[in-house]
Amino acid sequence: MTDMTPLDRLRIEKAANDCGFEMTPVDRDGGLELRSAQFPESVLVRLAGPQAFAIETSNSLLLGGSGNVGEVKALGYECRFAVLRTAAAHAR
């Protein structure tokens, strides 16, 4: 696990807001928990390396899974954005 810099945090917060997670992120388990007032599910984003992210959802259906908690690794900022956008779209 990589320590999150202020720039990393800012980039994650910007992507989260752009994808529909408009509530202020919460520090949790070494990452940022992203939330929305429009749906109850949440997403936890942690750094997994340089430009690599571990993204965990409160419900794997947000990632196309079959229920319970789901997690994927996203390599690069574009991939991270795509996963967040998909999770928010499924949550709605």
N, C-alpha and C. Protein backbone atom coordinates (compact mmCIF):
# COMPACT_ATOMS: atom_id res chain seq x y z
N MET A 1 0.84 -1.17 0.00
CA MET A 1 0.00 0.00 0.00
C MET A 1 0.89 1.23 0.00
N THR A 2 0.55 2.20 -0.80
CA THR A 2 1.31 3.43 -0.95
C THR A 2 0.64 4.54 -0.16
N ASP A 3 1.45 5.40 0.46
CA ASP A 3 0.89 6.55 1.18
C ASP A 3 0.28 7.53 0.19
N MET A 4 -0.88 8.06 0.56
CA MET A 4 -1.59 9.00 -0.29
C MET A 4 -1.07 10.41 -0.06
N THR A 5 -0.63 11.07 -1.12
CA THR A 5 -0.17 12.45 -1.03
C THR A 5 -1.38 13.38 -1.17
N PRO A 6 -1.21 14.66 -0.83
CA PRO A 6 -2.32 15.60 -1.03
C PRO A 6 -2.77 15.67 -2.50
N LEU A 7 -1.84 15.54 -3.43
CA LEU A 7 -2.21 15.55 -4.85
C LEU A 7 -3.03 14.30 -5.21
N ASP A 8 -2.63 13.14 -4.68
CA ASP A 8 -3.41 11.91 -4.91
C ASP A 8 -4.83 12.09 -4.40
N ARG A 9 -4.95 12.63 -3.20
CA ARG A 9 -6.27 12.84 -2.60
C ARG A 9 -7.11 13.78 -3.45
N LEU A 10 -6.51 14.87 -3.89
CA LEU A 10 -7.22 15.83 -4.73
C LEU A 10 -7.70 15.20 -6.03
N ARG A 11 -6.87 14.39 -6.66
CA ARG A 11 -7.25 13.72 -7.91
C ARG A 11 -8.40 12.74 -7.69
N ILE A 12 -8.35 12.00 -6.58
CA ILE A 12 -9.42 11.05 -6.28
C ILE A 12 -10.71 11.81 -5.99
N GLU A 13 -10.64 12.88 -5.20
CA GLU A 13 -11.82 13.67 -4.89
C GLU A 13 -12.44 14.27 -6.14
N LYS A 14 -11.62 14.77 -7.06
CA LYS A 14 -12.12 15.37 -8.31
C LYS A 14 -12.82 14.31 -9.16
N ALA A 15 -12.19 13.16 -9.32
CA ALA A 15 -12.80 12.08 -10.10
C ALA A 15 -14.10 11.62 -9.45
N ALA A 16 -14.11 11.51 -8.13
CA ALA A 16 -15.32 11.08 -7.41
C ALA A 16 -16.46 12.07 -7.66
N ASN A 17 -16.18 13.33 -7.53
CA ASN A 17 -17.21 14.35 -7.74
C ASN A 17 -17.71 14.32 -9.17
N ASP A 18 -16.81 14.19 -10.12
CA ASP A 18 -17.20 14.14 -11.54
C ASP A 18 -18.08 12.93 -11.85
N CYS A 19 -17.93 11.86 -11.06
CA CYS A 19 -18.68 10.62 -11.30
C CYS A 19 -19.97 10.53 -10.50
N GLY A 20 -20.24 11.51 -9.64
CA GLY A 20 -21.50 11.51 -8.90
C GLY A 20 -21.40 11.24 -7.42
N PHE A 21 -20.19 11.10 -6.90
CA PHE A 21 -19.99 10.94 -5.46
C PHE A 21 -19.74 12.33 -4.89
N GLU A 22 -20.82 13.07 -4.64
CA GLU A 22 -20.71 14.49 -4.33
C GLU A 22 -20.48 14.79 -2.84
N MET A 23 -20.65 13.81 -1.97
CA MET A 23 -20.44 14.06 -0.54
C MET A 23 -18.94 14.08 -0.23
N THR A 24 -18.57 14.79 0.82
CA THR A 24 -17.18 14.87 1.23
C THR A 24 -16.64 13.48 1.54
N PRO A 25 -15.52 13.08 0.93
CA PRO A 25 -14.95 11.76 1.20
C PRO A 25 -14.54 11.62 2.67
N VAL A 26 -14.57 10.39 3.15
CA VAL A 26 -14.20 10.07 4.53
C VAL A 26 -12.93 9.23 4.50
N ASP A 27 -11.94 9.59 5.34
CA ASP A 27 -10.74 8.77 5.48
C ASP A 27 -11.12 7.47 6.15
N ARG A 28 -10.79 6.34 5.50
CA ARG A 28 -11.11 5.03 6.09
C ARG A 28 -10.13 3.99 5.58
N ASP A 29 -9.58 3.23 6.48
CA ASP A 29 -8.71 2.09 6.15
C ASP A 29 -7.61 2.43 5.15
N GLY A 30 -6.99 3.58 5.31
CA GLY A 30 -5.89 3.97 4.43
C GLY A 30 -6.32 4.48 3.07
N GLY A 31 -7.60 4.75 2.90
CA GLY A 31 -8.10 5.25 1.62
C GLY A 31 -9.19 6.29 1.83
N LEU A 32 -9.89 6.57 0.77
CA LEU A 32 -11.00 7.51 0.83
C LEU A 32 -12.30 6.79 0.51
N GLU A 33 -13.27 6.91 1.40
CA GLU A 33 -14.60 6.35 1.16
C GLU A 33 -15.43 7.41 0.46
N LEU A 34 -15.93 7.07 -0.71
CA LEU A 34 -16.71 7.99 -1.54
C LEU A 34 -18.18 7.67 -1.37
N ARG A 35 -18.99 8.74 -1.22
CA ARG A 35 -20.41 8.55 -0.95
C ARG A 35 -21.24 9.55 -1.75
N SER A 36 -22.52 9.25 -1.83
CA SER A 36 -23.46 10.14 -2.51
C SER A 36 -24.77 10.18 -1.73
N ALA A 37 -25.43 11.31 -1.77
CA ALA A 37 -26.75 11.44 -1.15
C ALA A 37 -27.82 10.77 -2.01
N GLN A 38 -27.48 10.41 -3.25
CA GLN A 38 -28.44 9.85 -4.18
C GLN A 38 -28.58 8.33 -4.09
N PHE A 39 -27.62 7.65 -3.43
CA PHE A 39 -27.68 6.20 -3.29
C PHE A 39 -26.90 5.78 -2.04
N PRO A 40 -27.29 4.64 -1.43
CA PRO A 40 -26.67 4.23 -0.16
C PRO A 40 -25.30 3.56 -0.29
N GLU A 41 -24.95 3.06 -1.46
CA GLU A 41 -23.68 2.35 -1.64
C GLU A 41 -22.51 3.32 -1.53
N SER A 42 -21.36 2.76 -1.18
CA SER A 42 -20.14 3.56 -1.09
C SER A 42 -19.01 2.84 -1.81
N VAL A 43 -17.96 3.60 -2.08
CA VAL A 43 -16.78 3.07 -2.76
C VAL A 43 -15.56 3.52 -1.96
N LEU A 44 -14.63 2.60 -1.71
CA LEU A 44 -13.39 2.91 -1.02
C LEU A 44 -12.25 2.83 -2.03
N VAL A 45 -11.50 3.92 -2.14
CA VAL A 45 -10.36 3.97 -3.08
C VAL A 45 -9.08 4.08 -2.27
N ARG A 46 -8.17 3.14 -2.54
CA ARG A 46 -6.84 3.17 -1.91
C ARG A 46 -5.78 3.17 -3.00
N LEU A 47 -4.64 3.75 -2.69
CA LEU A 47 -3.51 3.65 -3.61
C LEU A 47 -2.91 2.26 -3.49
N ALA A 48 -2.57 1.67 -4.63
CA ALA A 48 -1.96 0.35 -4.65
C ALA A 48 -0.58 0.39 -5.29
N GLY A 49 -0.12 1.58 -5.63
CA GLY A 49 1.17 1.76 -6.27
C GLY A 49 1.14 3.03 -7.09
N PRO A 50 2.21 3.33 -7.79
CA PRO A 50 2.21 4.52 -8.64
C PRO A 50 1.12 4.40 -9.72
N GLN A 51 0.15 5.28 -9.69
CA GLN A 51 -0.96 5.30 -10.64
C GLN A 51 -1.76 3.99 -10.64
N ALA A 52 -1.76 3.28 -9.51
CA ALA A 52 -2.56 2.06 -9.38
C ALA A 52 -3.46 2.22 -8.16
N PHE A 53 -4.69 1.74 -8.29
CA PHE A 53 -5.70 1.94 -7.25
C PHE A 53 -6.43 0.64 -6.95
N ALA A 54 -6.71 0.40 -5.68
CA ALA A 54 -7.58 -0.68 -5.26
C ALA A 54 -8.93 -0.02 -4.98
N ILE A 55 -9.96 -0.46 -5.67
CA ILE A 55 -11.29 0.13 -5.53
C ILE A 55 -12.23 -0.95 -5.02
N GLU A 56 -12.78 -0.69 -3.83
CA GLU A 56 -13.67 -1.65 -3.16
C GLU A 56 -15.05 -1.03 -3.04
N THR A 57 -16.06 -1.78 -3.38
CA THR A 57 -17.43 -1.29 -3.29
C THR A 57 -18.18 -2.00 -2.18
N SER A 58 -19.19 -1.33 -1.64
CA SER A 58 -20.01 -1.93 -0.59
C SER A 58 -20.92 -3.02 -1.14
N ASN A 59 -21.05 -3.08 -2.46
CA ASN A 59 -21.88 -4.09 -3.12
C ASN A 59 -21.25 -4.39 -4.47
N SER A 60 -20.88 -5.64 -4.69
CA SER A 60 -20.17 -5.99 -5.94
C SER A 60 -21.03 -5.79 -7.18
N LEU A 61 -22.34 -5.65 -7.03
CA LEU A 61 -23.20 -5.37 -8.18
C LEU A 61 -22.78 -4.07 -8.87
N LEU A 62 -22.17 -3.17 -8.12
CA LEU A 62 -21.70 -1.91 -8.70
C LEU A 62 -20.59 -2.14 -9.71
N LEU A 63 -19.92 -3.29 -9.58
CA LEU A 63 -18.82 -3.63 -10.50
C LEU A 63 -19.19 -4.76 -11.44
N GLY A 64 -20.47 -5.12 -11.46
CA GLY A 64 -20.91 -6.20 -12.32
C GLY A 64 -20.81 -7.57 -11.68
N GLY A 65 -20.59 -7.62 -10.35
CA GLY A 65 -20.49 -8.90 -9.64
C GLY A 65 -21.85 -9.43 -9.23
N SER A 66 -21.85 -10.35 -8.27
CA SER A 66 -23.10 -11.02 -7.89
C SER A 66 -23.57 -10.68 -6.48
N GLY A 67 -23.05 -9.66 -5.87
CA GLY A 67 -23.49 -9.26 -4.53
C GLY A 67 -22.32 -9.16 -3.58
N ASN A 68 -22.60 -8.76 -2.33
CA ASN A 68 -21.60 -8.57 -1.29
C ASN A 68 -20.56 -7.53 -1.71
N VAL A 69 -19.39 -7.58 -1.12
CA VAL A 69 -18.35 -6.58 -1.37
C VAL A 69 -17.54 -6.98 -2.60
N GLY A 70 -17.23 -6.01 -3.45
CA GLY A 70 -16.42 -6.27 -4.63
C GLY A 70 -15.19 -5.39 -4.62
N GLU A 71 -14.11 -5.87 -5.24
CA GLU A 71 -12.88 -5.07 -5.33
C GLU A 71 -12.23 -5.32 -6.68
N VAL A 72 -11.70 -4.24 -7.24
CA VAL A 72 -10.94 -4.33 -8.49
C VAL A 72 -9.69 -3.48 -8.35
N LYS A 73 -8.73 -3.78 -9.17
CA LYS A 73 -7.53 -2.95 -9.28
C LYS A 73 -7.66 -2.13 -10.56
N ALA A 74 -7.36 -0.86 -10.46
CA ALA A 74 -7.40 0.03 -11.61
C ALA A 74 -6.00 0.57 -11.85
N LEU A 75 -5.50 0.38 -13.05
CA LEU A 75 -4.17 0.86 -13.40
C LEU A 75 -4.31 2.13 -14.23
N GLY A 76 -3.90 3.24 -13.66
CA GLY A 76 -3.97 4.52 -14.35
C GLY A 76 -5.21 5.31 -13.97
N TYR A 77 -5.11 6.60 -14.20
CA TYR A 77 -6.19 7.52 -13.82
C TYR A 77 -7.44 7.31 -14.67
N GLU A 78 -7.28 7.02 -15.95
CA GLU A 78 -8.43 6.81 -16.82
C GLU A 78 -9.22 5.59 -16.40
N CYS A 79 -8.53 4.53 -16.04
CA CYS A 79 -9.18 3.30 -15.59
C CYS A 79 -9.91 3.55 -14.26
N ARG A 80 -9.26 4.26 -13.34
CA ARG A 80 -9.89 4.59 -12.07
C ARG A 80 -11.18 5.36 -12.30
N PHE A 81 -11.13 6.35 -13.19
CA PHE A 81 -12.31 7.16 -13.50
C PHE A 81 -13.41 6.28 -14.09
N ALA A 82 -13.07 5.37 -14.97
CA ALA A 82 -14.06 4.49 -15.59
C ALA A 82 -14.73 3.59 -14.55
N VAL A 83 -13.96 3.07 -13.60
CA VAL A 83 -14.54 2.22 -12.56
C VAL A 83 -15.48 3.03 -11.68
N LEU A 84 -15.08 4.23 -11.30
CA LEU A 84 -15.95 5.08 -10.47
C LEU A 84 -17.23 5.45 -11.22
N ARG A 85 -17.10 5.78 -12.48
CA ARG A 85 -18.27 6.14 -13.29
C ARG A 85 -19.24 4.96 -13.39
N THR A 86 -18.70 3.75 -13.62
CA THR A 86 -19.53 2.56 -13.70
C THR A 86 -20.22 2.26 -12.38
N ALA A 87 -19.48 2.37 -11.27
CA ALA A 87 -20.05 2.09 -9.95
C ALA A 87 -21.20 3.06 -9.65
N ALA A 88 -21.01 4.33 -9.94
CA ALA A 88 -22.05 5.33 -9.69
C ALA A 88 -23.27 5.08 -10.57
N ALA A 89 -23.05 4.72 -11.82
CA ALA A 89 -24.15 4.46 -12.75
C ALA A 89 -24.98 3.26 -12.28
N HIS A 90 -24.32 2.19 -11.82
CA HIS A 90 -25.02 1.02 -11.32
C HIS A 90 -25.74 1.32 -10.01
N ALA A 91 -25.17 2.18 -9.19
CA ALA A 91 -25.80 2.51 -7.91
C ALA A 91 -27.09 3.29 -8.12
N ARG A 92 -27.13 4.11 -9.16
CA ARG A 92 -28.33 4.89 -9.44
C ARG A 92 -29.43 3.99 -9.92
